[in-house]
Amino acid sequence: KIQELIRELHIGPPRAEVDKVIVTSPLALLY
């Protein structure tokens, strides 16, 4: 599901212009 969100982040809403989506290493869960 996170990977699906990341795909959407590259697109963004109509007026956005996304240059980069930078994903860091996994973090500790906060629940």
Full PDB file with SEQRES, HELIX, SHEET, SSBOND, CRYST1, ORIGX, SCALE, CONECT and MASTER records, all heavy atoms in Angstrom:
SEQRES   1 A   31  LYS ILE GLN GLU LEU ILE ARG GLU LEU HIS ILE GLY PRO          
SEQRES   2 A   31  PRO ARG ALA GLU VAL ASP LYS VAL ILE VAL THR SER PRO          
SEQRES   3 A   31  LEU ALA LEU LEU TYR                                          
HELIX    1 AA1 ILE A    2  ILE A   11  1                                  10    
CRYST1    1.000    1.000    1.000  90.00  90.00  90.00 P 1           1          
ORIGX1      1.000000  0.000000  0.000000        0.00000                         
ORIGX2      0.000000  1.000000  0.000000        0.00000                         
ORIGX3      0.000000  0.000000  1.000000        0.00000                         
SCALE1      1.000000  0.000000  0.000000        0.00000                         
SCALE2      0.000000  1.000000  0.000000        0.00000                         
SCALE3      0.000000  0.000000  1.000000        0.00000                         
ATOM      1  N   LYS A   1       0.837  -1.209   0.000  1.00  0.00           N  
ATOM      2  CA  LYS A   1       0.000   0.000   0.000  1.00  0.00           C  
ATOM      3  C   LYS A   1       0.867   1.252   0.000  1.00  0.00           C  
ATOM      4  O   LYS A   1       0.540   2.247  -0.646  1.00  0.00           O  
ATOM      5  CB  LYS A   1      -0.950   0.003   1.198  1.00  0.00           C  
ATOM      6  CG  LYS A   1      -1.915  -1.158   1.207  1.00  0.00           C  
ATOM      7  CD  LYS A   1      -2.847  -1.099   0.024  1.00  0.00           C  
ATOM      8  CE  LYS A   1      -3.870  -2.220   0.093  1.00  0.00           C  
ATOM      9  NZ  LYS A   1      -4.757  -2.222  -1.057  1.00  0.00           N  
ATOM     10  N   ILE A   2       1.989   1.225   0.725  1.00  0.00           N  
ATOM     11  CA  ILE A   2       2.906   2.362   0.721  1.00  0.00           C  
ATOM     12  C   ILE A   2       3.486   2.543  -0.680  1.00  0.00           C  
ATOM     13  O   ILE A   2       3.592   3.671  -1.179  1.00  0.00           O  
ATOM     14  CB  ILE A   2       4.015   2.191   1.779  1.00  0.00           C  
ATOM     15  CG1 ILE A   2       3.409   2.294   3.182  1.00  0.00           C  
ATOM     16  CG2 ILE A   2       5.121   3.231   1.579  1.00  0.00           C  
ATOM     17  CD1 ILE A   2       4.384   2.020   4.311  1.00  0.00           C  
ATOM     18  N   GLN A   3       3.832   1.455  -1.352  1.00  0.00           N  
ATOM     19  CA  GLN A   3       4.354   1.553  -2.719  1.00  0.00           C  
ATOM     20  C   GLN A   3       3.308   2.132  -3.666  1.00  0.00           C  
ATOM     21  O   GLN A   3       3.639   2.919  -4.564  1.00  0.00           O  
ATOM     22  CB  GLN A   3       4.828   0.182  -3.214  1.00  0.00           C  
ATOM     23  CG  GLN A   3       6.056  -0.326  -2.509  1.00  0.00           C  
ATOM     24  CD  GLN A   3       7.205   0.658  -2.534  1.00  0.00           C  
ATOM     25  OE1 GLN A   3       7.540   1.220  -3.575  1.00  0.00           O  
ATOM     26  NE2 GLN A   3       7.819   0.894  -1.390  1.00  0.00           N  
ATOM     27  N   GLU A   4       2.053   1.783  -3.451  1.00  0.00           N  
ATOM     28  CA  GLU A   4       0.975   2.349  -4.264  1.00  0.00           C  
ATOM     29  C   GLU A   4       0.870   3.857  -4.022  1.00  0.00           C  
ATOM     30  O   GLU A   4       0.711   4.642  -4.965  1.00  0.00           O  
ATOM     31  CB  GLU A   4      -0.347   1.647  -3.949  1.00  0.00           C  
ATOM     32  CG  GLU A   4      -1.465   2.015  -4.883  1.00  0.00           C  
ATOM     33  CD  GLU A   4      -2.718   1.186  -4.660  1.00  0.00           C  
ATOM     34  OE1 GLU A   4      -2.635   0.077  -4.104  1.00  0.00           O  
ATOM     35  OE2 GLU A   4      -3.795   1.676  -5.052  1.00  0.00           O  
ATOM     36  N   LEU A   5       0.973   4.276  -2.762  1.00  0.00           N  
ATOM     37  CA  LEU A   5       0.947   5.708  -2.453  1.00  0.00           C  
ATOM     38  C   LEU A   5       2.129   6.414  -3.118  1.00  0.00           C  
ATOM     39  O   LEU A   5       1.961   7.489  -3.702  1.00  0.00           O  
ATOM     40  CB  LEU A   5       0.981   5.945  -0.936  1.00  0.00           C  
ATOM     41  CG  LEU A   5       1.042   7.414  -0.515  1.00  0.00           C  
ATOM     42  CD1 LEU A   5      -0.245   8.142  -0.900  1.00  0.00           C  
ATOM     43  CD2 LEU A   5       1.307   7.543   0.974  1.00  0.00           C  
ATOM     44  N   ILE A   6       3.305   5.830  -3.045  1.00  0.00           N  
ATOM     45  CA  ILE A   6       4.493   6.444  -3.652  1.00  0.00           C  
ATOM     46  C   ILE A   6       4.291   6.643  -5.154  1.00  0.00           C  
ATOM     47  O   ILE A   6       4.668   7.682  -5.706  1.00  0.00           O  
ATOM     48  CB  ILE A   6       5.750   5.612  -3.336  1.00  0.00           C  
ATOM     49  CG1 ILE A   6       6.081   5.736  -1.841  1.00  0.00           C  
ATOM     50  CG2 ILE A   6       6.931   6.050  -4.206  1.00  0.00           C  
ATOM     51  CD1 ILE A   6       7.149   4.778  -1.352  1.00  0.00           C  
ATOM     52  N   ARG A   7       3.669   5.703  -5.825  1.00  0.00           N  
ATOM     53  CA  ARG A   7       3.372   5.873  -7.256  1.00  0.00           C  
ATOM     54  C   ARG A   7       2.485   7.093  -7.474  1.00  0.00           C  
ATOM     55  O   ARG A   7       2.695   7.874  -8.408  1.00  0.00           O  
ATOM     56  CB  ARG A   7       2.729   4.612  -7.829  1.00  0.00           C  
ATOM     57  CG  ARG A   7       3.715   3.471  -8.045  1.00  0.00           C  
ATOM     58  CD  ARG A   7       3.109   2.335  -8.834  1.00  0.00           C  
ATOM     59  NE  ARG A   7       2.054   1.619  -8.123  1.00  0.00           N  
ATOM     60  CZ  ARG A   7       2.267   0.629  -7.264  1.00  0.00           C  
ATOM     61  NH1 ARG A   7       3.494   0.234  -6.993  1.00  0.00           N  
ATOM     62  NH2 ARG A   7       1.257   0.029  -6.671  1.00  0.00           N  
ATOM     63  N   GLU A   8       1.472   7.265  -6.604  1.00  0.00           N  
ATOM     64  CA  GLU A   8       0.577   8.418  -6.710  1.00  0.00           C  
ATOM     65  C   GLU A   8       1.306   9.729  -6.409  1.00  0.00           C  
ATOM     66  O   GLU A   8       1.004  10.763  -7.008  1.00  0.00           O  
ATOM     67  CB  GLU A   8      -0.620   8.259  -5.770  1.00  0.00           C  
ATOM     68  CG  GLU A   8      -1.554   7.132  -6.136  1.00  0.00           C  
ATOM     69  CD  GLU A   8      -2.262   7.352  -7.460  1.00  0.00           C  
ATOM     70  OE1 GLU A   8      -2.503   8.516  -7.849  1.00  0.00           O  
ATOM     71  OE2 GLU A   8      -2.566   6.340  -8.119  1.00  0.00           O  
ATOM     72  N   LEU A   9       2.263   9.693  -5.481  1.00  0.00           N  
ATOM     73  CA  LEU A   9       3.002  10.900  -5.117  1.00  0.00           C  
ATOM     74  C   LEU A   9       3.772  11.455  -6.309  1.00  0.00           C  
ATOM     75  O   LEU A   9       3.951  12.664  -6.423  1.00  0.00           O  
ATOM     76  CB  LEU A   9       3.969  10.622  -3.963  1.00  0.00           C  
ATOM     77  CG  LEU A   9       3.354  10.200  -2.638  1.00  0.00           C  
ATOM     78  CD1 LEU A   9       4.451   9.916  -1.622  1.00  0.00           C  
ATOM     79  CD2 LEU A   9       2.394  11.251  -2.115  1.00  0.00           C  
ATOM     80  N   HIS A  10       4.222  10.591  -7.193  1.00  0.00           N  
ATOM     81  CA  HIS A  10       4.934  11.036  -8.392  1.00  0.00           C  
ATOM     82  C   HIS A  10       4.018  11.815  -9.333  1.00  0.00           C  
ATOM     83  O   HIS A  10       4.491  12.658 -10.096  1.00  0.00           O  
ATOM     84  CB  HIS A  10       5.520   9.839  -9.148  1.00  0.00           C  
ATOM     85  CG  HIS A  10       6.758   9.284  -8.532  1.00  0.00           C  
ATOM     86  ND1 HIS A  10       8.005   9.798  -8.759  1.00  0.00           N  
ATOM     87  CD2 HIS A  10       6.928   8.243  -7.687  1.00  0.00           C  
ATOM     88  CE1 HIS A  10       8.899   9.107  -8.085  1.00  0.00           C  
ATOM     89  NE2 HIS A  10       8.275   8.153  -7.414  1.00  0.00           N  
ATOM     90  N   ILE A  11       2.733  11.550  -9.261  1.00  0.00           N  
ATOM     91  CA  ILE A  11       1.756  12.206 -10.134  1.00  0.00           C  
ATOM     92  C   ILE A  11       1.263  13.501  -9.498  1.00  0.00           C  
ATOM     93  O   ILE A  11       1.339  14.565 -10.097  1.00  0.00           O  
ATOM     94  CB  ILE A  11       0.575  11.261 -10.434  1.00  0.00           C  
ATOM     95  CG1 ILE A  11       1.089   9.995 -11.135  1.00  0.00           C  
ATOM     96  CG2 ILE A  11      -0.490  11.962 -11.260  1.00  0.00           C  
ATOM     97  CD1 ILE A  11       0.097   8.863 -11.174  1.00  0.00           C  
ATOM     98  N   GLY A  12       0.737  13.406  -8.276  1.00  0.00           N  
ATOM     99  CA  GLY A  12       0.214  14.572  -7.569  1.00  0.00           C  
ATOM    100  C   GLY A  12      -1.082  15.079  -8.165  1.00  0.00           C  
ATOM    101  O   GLY A  12      -1.579  14.541  -9.155  1.00  0.00           O  
ATOM    102  N   PRO A  13      -1.627  16.139  -7.557  1.00  0.00           N  
ATOM    103  CA  PRO A  13      -2.853  16.740  -8.077  1.00  0.00           C  
ATOM    104  C   PRO A  13      -2.555  17.513  -9.363  1.00  0.00           C  
ATOM    105  O   PRO A  13      -1.382  17.773  -9.683  1.00  0.00           O  
ATOM    106  CB  PRO A  13      -3.302  17.666  -6.940  1.00  0.00           C  
ATOM    107  CG  PRO A  13      -2.042  18.020  -6.234  1.00  0.00           C  
ATOM    108  CD  PRO A  13      -1.159  16.811  -6.338  1.00  0.00           C  
ATOM    109  N   PRO A  14      -3.597  17.913 -10.102  1.00  0.00           N  
ATOM    110  CA  PRO A  14      -3.393  18.536 -11.416  1.00  0.00           C  
ATOM    111  C   PRO A  14      -2.442  19.745 -11.459  1.00  0.00           C  
ATOM    112  O   PRO A  14      -1.686  19.883 -12.406  1.00  0.00           O  
ATOM    113  CB  PRO A  14      -4.803  18.942 -11.836  1.00  0.00           C  
ATOM    114  CG  PRO A  14      -5.696  17.995 -11.111  1.00  0.00           C  
ATOM    115  CD  PRO A  14      -5.007  17.715  -9.799  1.00  0.00           C  
ATOM    116  N   ARG A  15      -2.451  20.607 -10.459  1.00  0.00           N  
ATOM    117  CA  ARG A  15      -1.627  21.826 -10.508  1.00  0.00           C  
ATOM    118  C   ARG A  15      -0.207  21.612  -9.984  1.00  0.00           C  
ATOM    119  O   ARG A  15       0.616  22.510 -10.064  1.00  0.00           O  
ATOM    120  CB  ARG A  15      -2.315  22.943  -9.726  1.00  0.00           C  
ATOM    121  CG  ARG A  15      -3.605  23.395 -10.393  1.00  0.00           C  
ATOM    122  CD  ARG A  15      -4.360  24.492  -9.676  1.00  0.00           C  
ATOM    123  NE  ARG A  15      -3.552  25.321  -8.826  1.00  0.00           N  
ATOM    124  CZ  ARG A  15      -3.905  25.759  -7.635  1.00  0.00           C  
ATOM    125  NH1 ARG A  15      -5.090  25.438  -7.151  1.00  0.00           N  
ATOM    126  NH2 ARG A  15      -3.115  26.514  -6.911  1.00  0.00           N  
ATOM    127  N   ALA A  16       0.092  20.441  -9.461  1.00  0.00           N  
ATOM    128  CA  ALA A  16       1.431  20.167  -8.920  1.00  0.00           C  
ATOM    129  C   ALA A  16       2.405  19.825 -10.039  1.00  0.00           C  
ATOM    130  O   ALA A  16       2.005  19.345 -11.105  1.00  0.00           O  
ATOM    131  CB  ALA A  16       1.368  19.019  -7.920  1.00  0.00           C  
ATOM    132  N   GLU A  17       3.673  20.098  -9.768  1.00  0.00           N  
ATOM    133  CA  GLU A  17       4.762  19.686 -10.663  1.00  0.00           C  
ATOM    134  C   GLU A  17       5.804  19.002  -9.794  1.00  0.00           C  
ATOM    135  O   GLU A  17       6.614  19.664  -9.147  1.00  0.00           O  
ATOM    136  CB  GLU A  17       5.360  20.887 -11.376  1.00  0.00           C  
ATOM    137  CG  GLU A  17       4.401  21.560 -12.338  1.00  0.00           C  
ATOM    138  CD  GLU A  17       4.962  22.828 -12.957  1.00  0.00           C  
ATOM    139  OE1 GLU A  17       6.170  23.082 -12.840  1.00  0.00           O  
ATOM    140  OE2 GLU A  17       4.168  23.568 -13.544  1.00  0.00           O  
ATOM    141  N   VAL A  18       5.748  17.690  -9.747  1.00  0.00           N  
ATOM    142  CA  VAL A  18       6.633  16.911  -8.885  1.00  0.00           C  
ATOM    143  C   VAL A  18       7.977  16.714  -9.588  1.00  0.00           C  
ATOM    144  O   VAL A  18       8.029  16.205 -10.711  1.00  0.00           O  
ATOM    145  CB  VAL A  18       6.000  15.546  -8.540  1.00  0.00           C  
ATOM    146  CG1 VAL A  18       6.949  14.710  -7.706  1.00  0.00           C  
ATOM    147  CG2 VAL A  18       4.667  15.748  -7.825  1.00  0.00           C  
ATOM    148  N   ASP A  19       9.051  17.139  -8.914  1.00  0.00           N  
ATOM    149  CA  ASP A  19      10.398  16.921  -9.440  1.00  0.00           C  
ATOM    150  C   ASP A  19      10.963  15.597  -8.948  1.00  0.00           C  
ATOM    151  O   ASP A  19      11.438  14.790  -9.735  1.00  0.00           O  
ATOM    152  CB  ASP A  19      11.346  18.052  -9.031  1.00  0.00           C  
ATOM    153  CG  ASP A  19      11.014  19.368  -9.715  1.00  0.00           C  
ATOM    154  OD1 ASP A  19      10.398  19.355 -10.807  1.00  0.00           O  
ATOM    155  OD2 ASP A  19      11.364  20.420  -9.150  1.00  0.00           O  
ATOM    156  N   LYS A  20      10.923  15.388  -7.628  1.00  0.00           N  
ATOM    157  CA  LYS A  20      11.496  14.174  -7.034  1.00  0.00           C  
ATOM    158  C   LYS A  20      10.620  13.672  -5.898  1.00  0.00           C  
ATOM    159  O   LYS A  20      10.018  14.461  -5.176  1.00  0.00           O  
ATOM    160  CB  LYS A  20      12.881  14.447  -6.451  1.00  0.00           C  
ATOM    161  CG  LYS A  20      13.944  14.783  -7.442  1.00  0.00           C  
ATOM    162  CD  LYS A  20      15.262  15.003  -6.713  1.00  0.00           C  
ATOM    163  CE  LYS A  20      16.314  15.569  -7.632  1.00  0.00           C  
ATOM    164  NZ  LYS A  20      17.519  15.943  -6.901  1.00  0.00           N  
ATOM    165  N   VAL A  21      10.616  12.364  -5.730  1.00  0.00           N  
ATOM    166  CA  VAL A  21      10.022  11.711  -4.563  1.00  0.00           C  
ATOM    167  C   VAL A  21      11.155  10.890  -3.956  1.00  0.00           C  
ATOM    168  O   VAL A  21      11.592   9.904  -4.535  1.00  0.00           O  
ATOM    169  CB  VAL A  21       8.828  10.809  -4.951  1.00  0.00           C  
ATOM    170  CG1 VAL A  21       8.304  10.068  -3.733  1.00  0.00           C  
ATOM    171  CG2 VAL A  21       7.729  11.635  -5.606  1.00  0.00           C  
ATOM    172  N   ILE A  22      11.641  11.353  -2.812  1.00  0.00           N  
ATOM    173  CA  ILE A  22      12.808  10.747  -2.175  1.00  0.00           C  
ATOM    174  C   ILE A  22      12.339   9.914  -0.984  1.00  0.00           C  
ATOM    175  O   ILE A  22      11.806  10.448  -0.021  1.00  0.00           O  
ATOM    176  CB  ILE A  22      13.795  11.839  -1.719  1.00  0.00           C  
ATOM    177  CG1 ILE A  22      14.189  12.707  -2.924  1.00  0.00           C  
ATOM    178  CG2 ILE A  22      15.010  11.222  -1.045  1.00  0.00           C  
ATOM    179  CD1 ILE A  22      14.800  14.037  -2.544  1.00  0.00           C  
ATOM    180  N   VAL A  23      12.551   8.614  -1.056  1.00  0.00           N  
ATOM    181  CA  VAL A  23      12.133   7.686  -0.001  1.00  0.00           C  
ATOM    182  C   VAL A  23      13.381   7.257   0.765  1.00  0.00           C  
ATOM    183  O   VAL A  23      14.341   6.769   0.171  1.00  0.00           O  
ATOM    184  CB  VAL A  23      11.420   6.458  -0.592  1.00  0.00           C  
ATOM    185  CG1 VAL A  23      10.964   5.521   0.508  1.00  0.00           C  
ATOM    186  CG2 VAL A  23      10.254   6.894  -1.471  1.00  0.00           C  
ATOM    187  N   THR A  24      13.350   7.434   2.072  1.00  0.00           N  
ATOM    188  CA  THR A  24      14.493   7.033   2.893  1.00  0.00           C  
ATOM    189  C   THR A  24      14.312   5.609   3.400  1.00  0.00           C  
ATOM    190  O   THR A  24      13.280   4.976   3.164  1.00  0.00           O  
ATOM    191  CB  THR A  24      14.664   7.979   4.098  1.00  0.00           C  
ATOM    192  OG1 THR A  24      13.512   7.886   4.924  1.00  0.00           O  
ATOM    193  CG2 THR A  24      14.860   9.418   3.648  1.00  0.00           C  
ATOM    194  N   SER A  25      15.296   5.135   4.099  1.00  0.00           N  
ATOM    195  CA  SER A  25      15.228   3.800   4.693  1.00  0.00           C  
ATOM    196  C   SER A  25      14.030   3.701   5.634  1.00  0.00           C  
ATOM    197  O   SER A  25      13.606   4.705   6.208  1.00  0.00           O  
ATOM    198  CB  SER A  25      16.499   3.514   5.480  1.00  0.00           C  
ATOM    199  OG  SER A  25      17.608   3.556   4.628  1.00  0.00           O  
ATOM    200  N   PRO A  26      13.504   2.505   5.815  1.00  0.00           N  
ATOM    201  CA  PRO A  26      12.373   2.334   6.741  1.00  0.00           C  
ATOM    202  C   PRO A  26      12.706   2.839   8.148  1.00  0.00           C  
ATOM    203  O   PRO A  26      13.839   2.756   8.602  1.00  0.00           O  
ATOM    204  CB  PRO A  26      12.139   0.829   6.746  1.00  0.00           C  
ATOM    205  CG  PRO A  26      12.694   0.360   5.448  1.00  0.00           C  
ATOM    206  CD  PRO A  26      13.870   1.257   5.157  1.00  0.00           C  
ATOM    207  N   LEU A  27      11.685   3.381   8.801  1.00  0.00           N  
ATOM    208  CA  LEU A  27      11.795   3.897  10.165  1.00  0.00           C  
ATOM    209  C   LEU A  27      11.103   2.951  11.134  1.00  0.00           C  
ATOM    210  O   LEU A  27      10.342   2.067  10.731  1.00  0.00           O  
ATOM    211  CB  LEU A  27      11.132   5.279  10.247  1.00  0.00           C  
ATOM    212  CG  LEU A  27      11.636   6.349   9.288  1.00  0.00           C  
ATOM    213  CD1 LEU A  27      10.727   7.563   9.342  1.00  0.00           C  
ATOM    214  CD2 LEU A  27      13.064   6.722   9.606  1.00  0.00           C  
ATOM    215  N   ALA A  28      11.311   3.181  12.419  1.00  0.00           N  
ATOM    216  CA  ALA A  28      10.621   2.400  13.449  1.00  0.00           C  
ATOM    217  C   ALA A  28       9.132   2.750  13.438  1.00  0.00           C  
ATOM    218  O   ALA A  28       8.758   3.923  13.293  1.00  0.00           O  
ATOM    219  CB  ALA A  28      11.213   2.699  14.824  1.00  0.00           C  
ATOM    220  N   LEU A  29       8.300   1.754  13.566  1.00  0.00           N  
ATOM    221  CA  LEU A  29       6.850   1.972  13.604  1.00  0.00           C  
ATOM    222  C   LEU A  29       6.458   2.773  14.836  1.00  0.00           C  
ATOM    223  O   LEU A  29       6.985   2.547  15.928  1.00  0.00           O  
ATOM    224  CB  LEU A  29       6.112   0.637  13.618  1.00  0.00           C  
ATOM    225  CG  LEU A  29       6.061  -0.124  12.302  1.00  0.00           C  
ATOM    226  CD1 LEU A  29       5.537  -1.528  12.535  1.00  0.00           C  
ATOM    227  CD2 LEU A  29       5.206   0.603  11.299  1.00  0.00           C  
ATOM    228  N   LEU A  30       5.513   3.694  14.658  1.00  0.00           N  
ATOM    229  CA  LEU A  30       4.941   4.448  15.782  1.00  0.00           C  
ATOM    230  C   LEU A  30       3.507   4.021  16.052  1.00  0.00           C  
ATOM    231  O   LEU A  30       2.902   4.472  16.998  1.00  0.00           O  
ATOM    232  CB  LEU A  30       4.990   5.956  15.496  1.00  0.00           C  
ATOM    233  CG  LEU A  30       6.378   6.568  15.336  1.00  0.00           C  
ATOM    234  CD1 LEU A  30       6.258   8.065  15.057  1.00  0.00           C  
ATOM    235  CD2 LEU A  30       7.234   6.320  16.556  1.00  0.00           C  
ATOM    236  N   TYR A  31       2.954   3.199  15.186  1.00  0.00           N  
ATOM    237  CA  TYR A  31       1.577   2.699  15.312  1.00  0.00           C  
ATOM    238  C   TYR A  31       0.569   3.833  15.395  1.00  0.00           C  
ATOM    239  O   TYR A  31      -0.315   3.846  16.241  1.00  0.00           O  
ATOM    240  CB  TYR A  31       1.459   1.728  16.495  1.00  0.00           C  
ATOM    241  CG  TYR A  31       2.378   0.542  16.323  1.00  0.00           C  
ATOM    242  CD1 TYR A  31       3.607   0.492  16.973  1.00  0.00           C  
ATOM    243  CD2 TYR A  31       2.028  -0.501  15.471  1.00  0.00           C  
ATOM    244  CE1 TYR A  31       4.467  -0.589  16.782  1.00  0.00           C  
ATOM    245  CE2 TYR A  31       2.880  -1.574  15.278  1.00  0.00           C  
ATOM    246  CZ  TYR A  31       4.095  -1.612  15.937  1.00  0.00           C  
ATOM    247  OH  TYR A  31       4.941  -2.672  15.752  1.00  0.00           O  
TER     248      TYR A  31                                                      
MASTER        0    0    0    1    0    0    0    6  247    1    0    3          
END                                                                             
